[in-house]
């Protein structure tokens, strides 16, 4: 008889054989099953490939591709024989504006620039202007600019004076002016311009034509809003200095632009509105990643100084609110004798011809120069798109948010576009 230890070994071997035997029987079948499954997958892929059809583009996609391939933006901006279609360029809130423009910047081998334009918006806002410039003569040491414009804006917003004006106090007024300006200066260094300005403005302020809101003269008395009842014509003169190192003023990605400008306004009609105006402009562009990303900074301040017994008329006061400063507020939201505003943008190139931007705005108006500080400022934040043609901003879309809601801006110009100097007949945004 076998011993007990031998019996145990035999039982253990039989158990192992019991589990291994089925696997040994199935082994020859496994490769066939694997091959069969792989074949099924391959066949399914072949059938699916045969049934695939090319994606059909939507009408919007086809239009955008055609718009890009046909270079329509370049054709619109370039024009033909000096004639082109000018889009935008009127006051904020005027609606979509367009009109013909004649521009020749190649006269006398680029030493003479002549421009004339006539524009009108669907809301009845109109602007006609004419310009003759010698940007560089006398061996690039001197420059001269002659400019005239007639503007008729029938529904400018007015909420009342000061930073505490109420959103529900919206009214409107008509602003009509004809201005003549001359600017002459020298270039002591490559990026530095110093000069003098002179001009004359004929002004008319009347009842607003926007029937949705009351006319400003029916709500605000002359004691609160100087110039609401009677307007004056102004003789203007001043001086300025500008240091401009921007790589491309139409769409800068590096450098800076710094302007100091003094103007004297003399009331030639009523003798009640003589005042002085000091403007400070600061722009700086900080590029990185081969200029594909840019941080854009802007600071701006306007201070006025009145003679004894004189007042700044409300239509010549600095204004905040709109597409160029506090983008989360309605156009012309705040009026007062003095202003300060700061802006910051982060821009990045998404693809050739289009940049995206995130921005922060802060600013305020105030009556006393002692309030020149960064306290109690209104603020807005938002995002935007910048469409470029030949490295110049042709179209921008901004969406700004503030505690008063949000605003959407479609503009045919570059943000922070202060680059010219002179003594404007009204606010520079006009």
Protein backbone atom coordinates (compact mmCIF):
# COMPACT_ATOMS: atom_id res chain seq x y z
CA UNK A 1 0.00 0.00 0.00
CA UNK A 2 1.10 3.52 -0.63
CA UNK A 3 2.00 5.67 2.31
CA UNK A 4 -0.09 8.67 3.23
CA UNK A 5 2.57 11.12 1.97
CA UNK A 6 2.58 9.46 -1.45
CA UNK A 7 -1.20 9.65 -1.64
CA UNK A 8 -1.10 13.37 -0.92
CA UNK A 9 1.40 13.99 -3.71
CA UNK A 10 -0.71 12.08 -6.20
CA UNK A 11 -3.80 14.09 -5.24
CA UNK A 12 -1.93 17.37 -5.68
CA UNK A 13 -0.73 16.35 -9.17
CA UNK A 14 -4.25 15.38 -10.19
CA UNK A 15 -5.62 18.78 -9.07
CA UNK A 16 -3.01 20.64 -11.10
CA UNK A 17 -3.74 18.52 -14.13
CA UNK A 18 -7.45 19.20 -13.68
CA UNK A 19 -6.88 22.99 -14.09
CA UNK A 20 -4.19 22.83 -16.78
CA UNK A 21 -5.84 20.36 -19.13
CA UNK A 22 -8.61 22.71 -20.38
CA UNK A 23 -6.06 25.45 -21.06
CA UNK A 24 -3.90 23.05 -23.06
CA UNK A 25 -6.92 22.07 -25.12
CA UNK A 26 -7.84 25.77 -25.82
CA UNK A 27 -4.36 26.98 -26.71
CA UNK A 28 -4.54 25.99 -30.37
CA UNK A 29 -7.77 27.98 -30.70
CA UNK A 30 -6.54 31.28 -29.17
CA UNK A 31 -4.45 32.60 -32.11
CA UNK A 32 -7.33 31.89 -34.46
CA UNK A 33 -9.74 33.82 -32.23
CA UNK A 34 -7.35 36.78 -31.96
CA UNK A 35 -6.81 36.85 -35.71
CA UNK A 36 -10.54 36.63 -36.28
CA UNK A 37 -11.28 39.58 -33.97
CA UNK A 38 -8.55 41.75 -35.56
CA UNK A 39 -9.99 40.96 -38.96
CA UNK A 40 -13.45 42.01 -37.87
CA UNK A 41 -12.15 45.35 -36.59
CA UNK A 42 -10.23 45.98 -39.81
CA UNK A 43 -13.26 45.13 -41.92
CA UNK A 44 -15.46 47.47 -39.88
CA UNK A 45 -12.97 50.27 -40.39
CA UNK A 46 -12.92 49.66 -44.14
CA UNK A 47 -16.73 49.76 -44.35
CA UNK A 48 -16.82 53.01 -42.32
CA UNK A 49 -14.15 54.64 -44.50
CA UNK A 50 -16.16 53.84 -47.61
CA UNK A 51 -19.27 55.46 -46.15
CA UNK A 52 -17.52 58.67 -45.02
CA UNK A 53 -18.37 61.92 -46.83
CA UNK A 54 -16.43 65.20 -46.76
CA UNK A 55 -17.67 67.77 -44.18
CA UNK A 56 -19.87 70.44 -45.65
CA UNK A 57 -18.96 73.99 -44.59
CA UNK A 58 -21.68 76.27 -43.37
CA UNK A 59 -22.51 79.47 -45.23
CA UNK A 60 -20.81 81.52 -42.51
CA UNK A 61 -17.60 79.47 -42.80
CA UNK A 62 -17.56 79.84 -46.58
CA UNK A 63 -18.13 83.61 -46.30
CA UNK A 64 -15.30 84.04 -43.79
CA UNK A 65 -12.87 82.01 -45.91
CA UNK A 66 -13.81 84.01 -49.03
CA UNK A 67 -13.47 87.27 -47.05
CA UNK A 68 -9.95 86.26 -46.04
CA UNK A 69 -8.80 84.77 -49.35
CA UNK A 70 -10.12 87.67 -51.40
CA UNK A 71 -8.35 90.15 -49.08
CA UNK A 72 -11.44 92.33 -48.94
CA UNK A 73 -10.19 94.28 -45.92
CA UNK A 74 -7.04 95.23 -47.78
CA UNK A 75 -9.03 96.33 -50.83
CA UNK A 76 -11.47 98.43 -48.82
CA UNK A 77 -8.70 100.21 -46.90
CA UNK A 78 -6.42 100.71 -49.92
CA UNK A 79 -9.03 102.21 -52.27
CA UNK A 80 -8.54 103.09 -55.94
CA UNK A 81 -6.63 106.14 -57.22
CA UNK A 82 -6.87 107.78 -53.80
CA UNK A 83 -10.61 107.20 -53.39
CA UNK A 84 -11.81 104.77 -50.77
CA UNK A 85 -14.71 104.04 -48.45
CA UNK A 86 -14.23 105.43 -44.95
CA UNK A 87 -16.01 103.50 -42.21
CA UNK A 88 -16.68 104.84 -38.72
CA UNK A 89 -14.84 107.78 -37.26
CA UNK A 90 -17.84 109.68 -35.90
CA UNK A 91 -18.83 110.26 -32.30
CA UNK A 92 -19.73 107.27 -30.07
CA UNK A 93 -23.44 106.53 -30.25
CA UNK A 94 -23.85 107.89 -33.78
CA UNK A 95 -24.56 104.46 -35.26
CA UNK A 96 -22.88 102.94 -38.29
CA UNK A 97 -21.24 105.67 -40.38
CA UNK A 98 -19.61 105.62 -43.78
CA UNK A 99 -18.76 107.88 -46.67
CA UNK A 100 -16.22 108.61 -49.40
CA UNK A 101 -12.68 109.69 -48.62
CA UNK A 102 -9.95 110.96 -50.90
CA UNK A 103 -6.43 110.44 -49.59
CA UNK A 104 -3.13 111.13 -51.31
CA UNK A 105 -0.05 110.54 -49.20
CA UNK A 106 2.30 110.15 -52.16
CA UNK A 107 2.31 113.72 -53.47
CA UNK A 108 5.77 115.24 -53.99
CA UNK A 109 7.31 111.87 -53.16
CA UNK A 110 5.46 111.63 -49.86
CA UNK A 111 6.26 115.15 -48.67
CA UNK A 112 2.64 116.32 -49.10
CA UNK A 113 -0.52 114.69 -47.75
CA UNK A 114 -3.98 115.75 -48.88
CA UNK A 115 -7.18 114.28 -47.48
CA UNK A 116 -10.89 115.05 -47.69
CA UNK A 117 -13.87 113.05 -46.42
CA UNK A 118 -17.65 113.27 -46.05
CA UNK A 119 -19.46 110.89 -43.71
CA UNK A 120 -22.96 110.31 -42.50
CA UNK A 121 -24.53 107.77 -40.16
CA UNK A 122 -27.92 106.09 -40.25
CA UNK A 123 -28.94 108.27 -37.28
CA UNK A 124 -28.29 111.52 -39.15
CA UNK A 125 -24.87 112.37 -37.70
CA UNK A 126 -22.61 114.09 -40.24
CA UNK A 127 -18.98 115.10 -40.53
CA UNK A 128 -17.04 116.82 -43.33
CA UNK A 129 -13.32 117.44 -43.00
CA UNK A 130 -10.36 118.58 -45.08
CA UNK A 131 -6.65 118.27 -44.31
CA UNK A 132 -3.40 119.44 -45.90
CA UNK A 133 -0.11 118.34 -44.34
CA UNK A 134 3.61 118.70 -44.83
CA UNK A 135 4.74 115.96 -42.43
CA UNK A 136 8.41 116.45 -43.14
CA UNK A 137 10.16 119.31 -44.89
CA UNK A 138 13.33 121.41 -44.46
CA UNK A 139 15.46 118.26 -44.29
CA UNK A 140 12.91 116.57 -41.98
CA UNK A 141 13.25 119.27 -39.33
CA UNK A 142 9.82 120.98 -39.72
CA UNK A 143 6.18 119.95 -40.11
CA UNK A 144 2.91 121.74 -40.88
CA UNK A 145 -0.73 120.62 -40.67
CA UNK A 146 -3.84 122.56 -41.74
CA UNK A 147 -7.21 121.08 -40.79
CA UNK A 148 -10.86 122.11 -41.00
CA UNK A 149 -14.01 120.23 -40.09
CA UNK A 150 -17.75 120.70 -39.85
CA UNK A 151 -19.65 118.37 -37.51
CA UNK A 152 -23.36 118.06 -36.84
CA UNK A 153 -24.24 115.60 -34.06
CA UNK A 154 -27.97 115.80 -33.21
CA UNK A 155 -28.15 113.57 -30.10
CA UNK A 156 -25.15 113.73 -27.75
CA UNK A 157 -25.78 112.14 -24.34
CA UNK A 158 -25.79 114.32 -21.22
CA UNK A 159 -26.44 113.03 -17.68
CA UNK A 160 -25.65 116.16 -15.74
CA UNK A 161 -22.42 117.51 -14.23
CA UNK A 162 -19.99 115.73 -11.95
CA UNK A 163 -19.10 112.16 -10.97
CA UNK A 164 -22.38 111.66 -9.08
CA UNK A 165 -24.68 112.15 -12.06
CA UNK A 166 -27.40 109.53 -12.27
CA UNK A 167 -27.82 106.93 -14.98
CA UNK A 168 -31.57 107.63 -15.18
CA UNK A 169 -30.94 111.38 -15.77
CA UNK A 170 -30.06 110.80 -19.40
CA UNK A 171 -30.88 113.65 -21.77
CA UNK A 172 -29.45 114.73 -25.11
CA UNK A 173 -28.43 117.85 -27.02
CA UNK A 174 -27.36 118.85 -30.51
CA UNK A 175 -23.75 119.88 -31.03
CA UNK A 176 -22.81 121.62 -34.26
CA UNK A 177 -19.40 123.18 -34.84
CA UNK A 178 -17.09 124.37 -37.59
CA UNK A 179 -13.41 124.42 -36.70
CA UNK A 180 -10.21 125.61 -38.37
CA UNK A 181 -6.83 124.54 -36.99
CA UNK A 182 -3.18 125.03 -37.86
CA UNK A 183 -0.25 123.17 -36.32
CA UNK A 184 3.37 124.02 -36.92
CA UNK A 185 6.47 122.58 -35.30
CA UNK A 186 10.03 121.34 -35.32
CA UNK A 187 11.70 117.95 -34.92
CA UNK A 188 14.81 118.47 -32.81
CA UNK A 189 15.32 114.70 -32.56
CA UNK A 190 14.12 111.63 -34.40
CA UNK A 191 11.14 110.83 -32.14
CA UNK A 192 10.53 114.27 -30.64
CA UNK A 193 8.15 116.94 -31.96
CA UNK A 194 7.64 120.39 -30.45
CA UNK A 195 5.19 122.88 -31.87
CA UNK A 196 2.48 125.49 -31.62
CA UNK A 197 -1.21 125.38 -32.51
CA UNK A 198 -3.90 127.92 -33.32
CA UNK A 199 -7.55 127.65 -34.30
CA UNK A 200 -11.00 129.14 -34.35
CA UNK A 201 -14.33 127.40 -33.67
CA UNK A 202 -17.90 128.42 -34.47
CA UNK A 203 -20.29 126.64 -32.10
CA UNK A 204 -23.99 125.97 -31.86
CA UNK A 205 -25.72 123.90 -29.17
CA UNK A 206 -29.42 123.18 -29.45
CA UNK A 207 -32.18 120.78 -28.40
CA UNK A 208 -31.44 117.10 -28.89
CA UNK A 209 -33.40 115.19 -31.52
CA UNK A 210 -33.47 111.75 -29.87
CA UNK A 211 -37.17 111.47 -28.99
CA UNK A 212 -36.51 108.71 -26.45
CA UNK A 213 -34.97 111.23 -24.03
CA UNK A 214 -35.69 114.76 -22.92
CA UNK A 215 -33.64 117.60 -24.35
CA UNK A 216 -30.88 118.71 -21.95
CA UNK A 217 -31.95 122.38 -21.94
CA UNK A 218 -35.33 121.39 -20.45
CA UNK A 219 -33.75 119.69 -17.42
CA UNK A 220 -30.47 121.40 -16.54
CA UNK A 221 -30.37 125.17 -15.78
CA UNK A 222 -27.49 127.41 -16.91
CA UNK A 223 -26.22 127.78 -13.32
CA UNK A 224 -25.68 124.01 -13.18
CA UNK A 225 -24.67 123.50 -16.80
CA UNK A 226 -22.81 126.55 -18.15
CA UNK A 227 -23.42 127.19 -21.84
CA UNK A 228 -26.69 125.26 -22.07
CA UNK A 229 -28.63 128.41 -23.03
CA UNK A 230 -26.06 130.51 -24.94
CA UNK A 231 -22.99 129.46 -26.88
CA UNK A 232 -19.80 131.23 -27.81
CA UNK A 233 -17.22 131.12 -30.58
CA UNK A 234 -13.64 130.49 -29.48
CA UNK A 235 -10.20 131.60 -30.55
CA UNK A 236 -7.65 128.98 -29.49
CA UNK A 237 -3.89 128.76 -29.33
CA UNK A 238 -1.37 126.60 -27.53
CA UNK A 239 1.84 124.59 -27.53
CA UNK A 240 2.78 120.94 -27.23
CA UNK A 241 5.59 118.41 -27.02
CA UNK A 242 5.32 114.80 -28.20
CA UNK A 243 7.80 111.96 -27.81
CA UNK A 244 6.68 108.99 -29.91
CA UNK A 245 8.68 105.73 -30.12
CA UNK A 246 5.84 103.42 -31.21
CA UNK A 247 6.88 100.92 -33.86
CA UNK A 248 3.60 101.39 -35.74
CA UNK A 249 1.08 104.05 -34.62
CA UNK A 250 -1.79 102.26 -36.39
CA UNK A 251 -1.28 99.06 -34.41
CA UNK A 252 1.62 99.45 -31.96
CA UNK A 253 3.32 96.45 -30.36
CA UNK A 254 6.30 98.19 -28.76
CA UNK A 255 7.46 101.63 -27.75
CA UNK A 256 5.54 104.51 -26.21
CA UNK A 257 3.77 107.78 -26.93
CA UNK A 258 3.94 110.72 -24.52
CA UNK A 259 2.20 114.07 -25.08
CA UNK A 260 2.04 117.25 -23.04
CA UNK A 261 -0.24 119.93 -24.46
CA UNK A 262 -1.34 123.35 -23.26
CA UNK A 263 -4.26 125.28 -24.85
CA UNK A 264 -5.83 128.65 -24.20
CA UNK A 265 -9.52 129.16 -25.09
CA UNK A 266 -10.80 132.72 -25.51
CA UNK A 267 -14.55 133.36 -25.63
CA UNK A 268 -15.03 135.83 -28.51
CA UNK A 269 -18.84 136.10 -28.19
CA UNK A 270 -19.97 136.28 -24.55
CA UNK A 271 -16.76 136.91 -22.65
CA UNK A 272 -17.82 134.37 -20.01
CA UNK A 273 -15.84 131.24 -20.87
CA UNK A 274 -12.13 131.99 -21.00
CA UNK A 275 -10.07 129.08 -19.69
CA UNK A 276 -6.84 127.12 -20.05
CA UNK A 277 -6.48 123.40 -20.60
CA UNK A 278 -3.57 121.08 -19.82
CA UNK A 279 -3.55 117.58 -21.34
CA UNK A 280 -1.23 114.73 -20.39
CA UNK A 281 -1.16 111.51 -22.42
CA UNK A 282 0.91 108.42 -21.64
CA UNK A 283 1.06 105.18 -23.64
CA UNK A 284 3.45 102.28 -23.26
CA UNK A 285 3.51 98.95 -25.13
CA UNK A 286 5.42 96.01 -23.64
CA UNK A 287 5.91 93.10 -26.09
CA UNK A 288 7.00 89.51 -25.45
CA UNK A 289 7.02 86.19 -27.33
CA UNK A 290 8.35 87.90 -30.47
CA UNK A 291 5.69 90.66 -30.23
CA UNK A 292 2.87 88.15 -30.52
CA UNK A 293 1.72 89.16 -27.06
CA UNK A 294 1.57 92.75 -25.82
CA UNK A 295 0.71 94.55 -22.61
CA UNK A 296 -0.70 97.99 -23.52
CA UNK A 297 -0.85 100.70 -20.84
CA UNK A 298 -2.49 104.11 -21.17
CA UNK A 299 -2.85 107.04 -18.78
CA UNK A 300 -4.63 110.28 -19.58
CA UNK A 301 -5.45 113.41 -17.60
CA UNK A 302 -7.07 116.72 -18.54
CA UNK A 303 -7.02 119.70 -16.17
CA UNK A 304 -8.70 123.07 -16.75
CA UNK A 305 -7.92 126.47 -15.24
CA UNK A 306 -10.51 129.25 -15.37
CA UNK A 307 -10.05 132.98 -15.03
CA UNK A 308 -11.88 134.74 -12.20
CA UNK A 309 -15.60 134.86 -12.91
CA UNK A 310 -15.26 132.51 -15.89
CA UNK A 311 -16.61 128.97 -16.35
CA UNK A 312 -15.82 126.09 -18.69
CA UNK A 313 -18.90 125.50 -20.90
CA UNK A 314 -20.26 121.98 -20.50
CA UNK A 315 -19.72 121.12 -24.19
CA UNK A 316 -15.97 121.75 -23.76
CA UNK A 317 -15.59 119.86 -20.48
CA UNK A 318 -13.60 116.61 -20.41
CA UNK A 319 -15.85 113.56 -20.75
CA UNK A 320 -15.59 109.93 -19.60
CA UNK A 321 -17.52 106.92 -20.84
CA UNK A 322 -17.49 105.25 -24.20
CA UNK A 323 -15.39 103.14 -26.52
CA UNK A 324 -12.01 104.73 -25.72
CA UNK A 325 -11.83 104.99 -21.92
CA UNK A 326 -14.51 103.49 -19.60
CA UNK A 327 -15.85 100.83 -21.93
CA UNK A 328 -18.40 99.46 -19.46
CA UNK A 329 -20.34 102.76 -19.43
CA UNK A 330 -22.52 104.53 -21.96
CA UNK A 331 -21.04 107.26 -24.19
CA UNK A 332 -20.45 110.64 -22.46
CA UNK A 333 -21.50 109.24 -19.09
CA UNK A 334 -19.54 111.73 -16.92
CA UNK A 335 -18.78 115.45 -17.48
CA UNK A 336 -16.70 117.80 -15.31
CA UNK A 337 -13.83 120.30 -15.43
CA UNK A 338 -11.08 117.71 -14.85
CA UNK A 339 -10.45 114.08 -15.74
CA UNK A 340 -8.12 111.18 -15.06
CA UNK A 341 -8.27 107.70 -16.61
CA UNK A 342 -5.96 104.68 -16.76
CA UNK A 343 -6.29 101.57 -18.93
CA UNK A 344 -4.47 98.25 -19.26
CA UNK A 345 -4.84 95.62 -21.99
CA UNK A 346 -3.33 92.18 -22.49
CA UNK A 347 -3.36 91.26 -26.20
CA UNK A 348 -2.34 88.05 -27.92
CA UNK A 349 -2.29 87.02 -31.56
CA UNK A 350 -4.72 84.16 -32.25
CA UNK A 351 -3.80 83.97 -35.93
CA UNK A 352 -2.52 86.32 -38.61
CA UNK A 353 -4.76 89.37 -38.77
CA UNK A 354 -6.62 88.85 -35.49
CA UNK A 355 -5.68 89.66 -31.89
CA UNK A 356 -7.74 89.05 -28.77
CA UNK A 357 -7.60 91.31 -25.72
CA UNK A 358 -8.54 91.44 -22.04
CA UNK A 359 -8.79 94.90 -20.50
CA UNK A 360 -9.30 96.87 -17.29
CA UNK A 361 -10.37 100.55 -17.22
CA UNK A 362 -10.52 103.01 -14.32
CA UNK A 363 -11.22 106.73 -14.29
CA UNK A 364 -13.15 109.66 -12.87
CA UNK A 365 -14.10 113.28 -13.48
CA UNK A 366 -13.83 115.92 -10.74
CA UNK A 367 -14.40 119.63 -10.20
CA UNK A 368 -11.38 120.55 -8.05
CA UNK A 369 -7.78 119.92 -9.06
CA UNK A 370 -7.02 118.94 -5.47
CA UNK A 371 -9.04 115.76 -6.19
CA UNK A 372 -6.39 114.61 -8.67
CA UNK A 373 -5.76 111.12 -7.26
CA UNK A 374 -6.76 107.50 -7.77
CA UNK A 375 -9.54 107.45 -5.17
CA UNK A 376 -13.23 106.82 -5.90
CA UNK A 377 -12.63 105.84 -9.53
CA UNK A 378 -15.21 104.16 -11.71
CA UNK A 379 -14.08 100.87 -13.23
CA UNK A 380 -14.89 98.44 -16.01
CA UNK A 381 -13.47 95.17 -17.35
CA UNK A 382 -13.97 93.25 -20.56
CA UNK A 383 -12.60 91.53 -23.63
CA UNK A 384 -12.19 92.39 -27.28
CA UNK A 385 -11.06 91.48 -30.80
CA UNK A 386 -8.63 93.43 -33.00
CA UNK A 387 -8.73 92.85 -36.78
CA UNK A 388 -5.52 93.98 -38.51
CA UNK A 389 -4.73 94.95 -42.09
CA UNK A 390 -1.06 95.48 -42.92
CA UNK A 391 -0.33 95.56 -39.17
CA UNK A 392 -2.84 98.39 -38.60
CA UNK A 393 -6.03 97.91 -36.61
CA UNK A 394 -8.88 98.15 -39.10
CA UNK A 395 -11.76 97.01 -36.88
CA UNK A 396 -12.11 96.34 -33.18
CA UNK A 397 -14.89 94.81 -31.12
CA UNK A 398 -14.97 95.45 -27.36
CA UNK A 399 -17.41 94.24 -24.70
CA UNK A 400 -17.13 96.13 -21.40
CA UNK A 401 -18.79 95.40 -18.06
CA UNK A 402 -19.40 97.75 -15.13
CA UNK A 403 -21.85 98.13 -12.24
CA UNK A 404 -24.16 99.93 -14.68
CA UNK A 405 -24.36 96.94 -17.04
CA UNK A 406 -22.43 96.15 -20.19
CA UNK A 407 -21.69 97.87 -23.49
CA UNK A 408 -20.72 96.48 -26.91
CA UNK A 409 -18.50 98.63 -29.13
CA UNK A 410 -17.74 98.17 -32.83
CA UNK A 411 -15.17 100.74 -33.94
CA UNK A 412 -13.09 101.26 -37.07
CA UNK A 413 -10.04 102.57 -35.24
CA UNK A 414 -7.35 101.55 -32.81
CA UNK A 415 -7.92 101.91 -29.08
CA UNK A 416 -5.79 104.61 -27.36
CA UNK A 417 -5.50 106.32 -30.73
CA UNK A 418 -4.36 109.71 -29.41
CA UNK A 419 -1.47 110.45 -31.66
CA UNK A 420 -2.30 113.84 -33.06
CA UNK A 421 -1.92 117.19 -31.38
CA UNK A 422 -3.80 120.42 -31.85
CA UNK A 423 -6.49 122.51 -30.18
CA UNK A 424 -9.72 120.60 -30.85
CA UNK A 425 -12.86 122.65 -31.15
CA UNK A 426 -14.70 120.27 -28.84
CA UNK A 427 -13.82 117.09 -26.96
CA UNK A 428 -11.29 114.99 -28.85
CA UNK A 429 -13.77 112.11 -29.05
CA UNK A 430 -15.99 114.26 -31.25
